[in-house]
Amino acid sequence: MPQLSPGPWFAIFTISWMILLLILMPKINNLKSMNEPTFMGLFLNKPQSWNWPWI
């Protein structure tokens, strides 16, 4: 039964994962986030509360 013999498919499996992890993942990670987000909104003044003259 060929599925019990790990020789042929395990080598292909490990080589394909090594290619994915060592070659493709750094390229994908470089394209994922080109610009770092800026958090300028955190330092702005808070809005004034509303004035309800009838209450």
C-alpha atoms as a PDB file:
ATOM      1  CA  MET A   1       0.000   0.000   0.000  1.00  0.00           C
ATOM      2  CA  PRO A   2       1.693   3.222  -1.145  1.00  0.00           C
ATOM      3  CA  GLN A   3       0.140   5.508   1.471  1.00  0.00           C
ATOM      4  CA  LEU A   4       2.011   3.646   4.220  1.00  0.00           C
ATOM      5  CA  SER A   5       5.380   4.317   2.614  1.00  0.00           C
ATOM      6  CA  PRO A   6       6.338   7.897   3.566  1.00  0.00           C
ATOM      7  CA  GLY A   7       9.377   7.977   1.283  1.00  0.00           C
ATOM      8  CA  PRO A   8       8.015   9.484  -1.959  1.00  0.00           C
ATOM      9  CA  TRP A   9       5.421  11.953  -0.709  1.00  0.00           C
ATOM     10  CA  PHE A  10       7.135  13.074   2.510  1.00  0.00           C
ATOM     11  CA  ALA A  11      10.169  14.368   0.627  1.00  0.00           C
ATOM     12  CA  ILE A  12       7.943  16.341  -1.769  1.00  0.00           C
ATOM     13  CA  PHE A  13       5.950  17.674   1.175  1.00  0.00           C
ATOM     14  CA  THR A  14       9.009  18.870   3.103  1.00  0.00           C
ATOM     15  CA  ILE A  15      10.686  20.403   0.047  1.00  0.00           C
ATOM     16  CA  SER A  16       7.541  22.302  -0.902  1.00  0.00           C
ATOM     17  CA  TRP A  17       7.181  23.665   2.659  1.00  0.00           C
ATOM     18  CA  MET A  18      10.827  24.708   2.705  1.00  0.00           C
ATOM     19  CA  ILE A  19      10.337  26.562  -0.573  1.00  0.00           C
ATOM     20  CA  LEU A  20       7.232  28.222   0.817  1.00  0.00           C
ATOM     21  CA  LEU A  21       8.820  29.253   4.109  1.00  0.00           C
ATOM     22  CA  LEU A  22      12.281  30.247   2.928  1.00  0.00           C
ATOM     23  CA  ILE A  23      11.603  31.857  -0.454  1.00  0.00           C
ATOM     24  CA  LEU A  24       7.979  32.894  -0.799  1.00  0.00           C
ATOM     25  CA  MET A  25       7.097  34.076   2.722  1.00  0.00           C
ATOM     26  CA  PRO A  26       9.636  36.944   2.852  1.00  0.00           C
ATOM     27  CA  LYS A  27       8.400  38.157  -0.533  1.00  0.00           C
ATOM     28  CA  ILE A  28       4.771  37.996   0.592  1.00  0.00           C
ATOM     29  CA  ASN A  29       5.563  39.797   3.853  1.00  0.00           C
ATOM     30  CA  ASN A  30       7.324  42.612   1.988  1.00  0.00           C
ATOM     31  CA  LEU A  31       4.231  43.232  -0.116  1.00  0.00           C
ATOM     32  CA  LYS A  32       1.732  42.976   2.727  1.00  0.00           C
ATOM     33  CA  SER A  33       2.435  46.280   4.474  1.00  0.00           C
ATOM     34  CA  MET A  34       4.289  48.860   2.438  1.00  0.00           C
ATOM     35  CA  ASN A  35       3.604  51.884   4.677  1.00  0.00           C
ATOM     36  CA  GLU A  36       3.543  51.854   8.432  1.00  0.00           C
ATOM     37  CA  PRO A  37       0.361  53.383   9.844  1.00  0.00           C
ATOM     38  CA  THR A  38       0.614  56.725  11.587  1.00  0.00           C
ATOM     39  CA  PHE A  39      -1.303  57.355  14.773  1.00  0.00           C
ATOM     40  CA  MET A  40      -1.794  61.086  14.489  1.00  0.00           C
ATOM     41  CA  GLY A  41      -5.395  60.833  15.649  1.00  0.00           C
ATOM     42  CA  LEU A  42      -4.343  59.844  19.146  1.00  0.00           C
ATOM     43  CA  PHE A  43      -2.745  63.213  19.873  1.00  0.00           C
ATOM     44  CA  LEU A  44      -5.515  65.487  18.633  1.00  0.00           C
ATOM     45  CA  ASN A  45      -7.616  67.516  21.039  1.00  0.00           C
ATOM     46  CA  LYS A  46     -10.744  65.870  22.298  1.00  0.00           C
ATOM     47  CA  PRO A  47     -13.997  67.428  21.070  1.00  0.00           C
ATOM     48  CA  GLN A  48     -15.897  69.740  23.371  1.00  0.00           C
ATOM     49  CA  SER A  49     -19.027  68.400  25.016  1.00  0.00           C
ATOM     50  CA  TRP A  50     -22.339  69.748  23.781  1.00  0.00           C
ATOM     51  CA  ASN A  51     -24.002  72.577  25.588  1.00  0.00           C
ATOM     52  CA  TRP A  52     -27.705  71.871  26.221  1.00  0.00           C
ATOM     53  CA  PRO A  53     -29.206  75.203  27.338  1.00  0.00           C
ATOM     54  CA  TRP A  54     -32.748  73.812  27.892  1.00  0.00           C
ATOM     55  CA  ILE A  55     -31.689  71.191  30.433  1.00  0.00           C
END
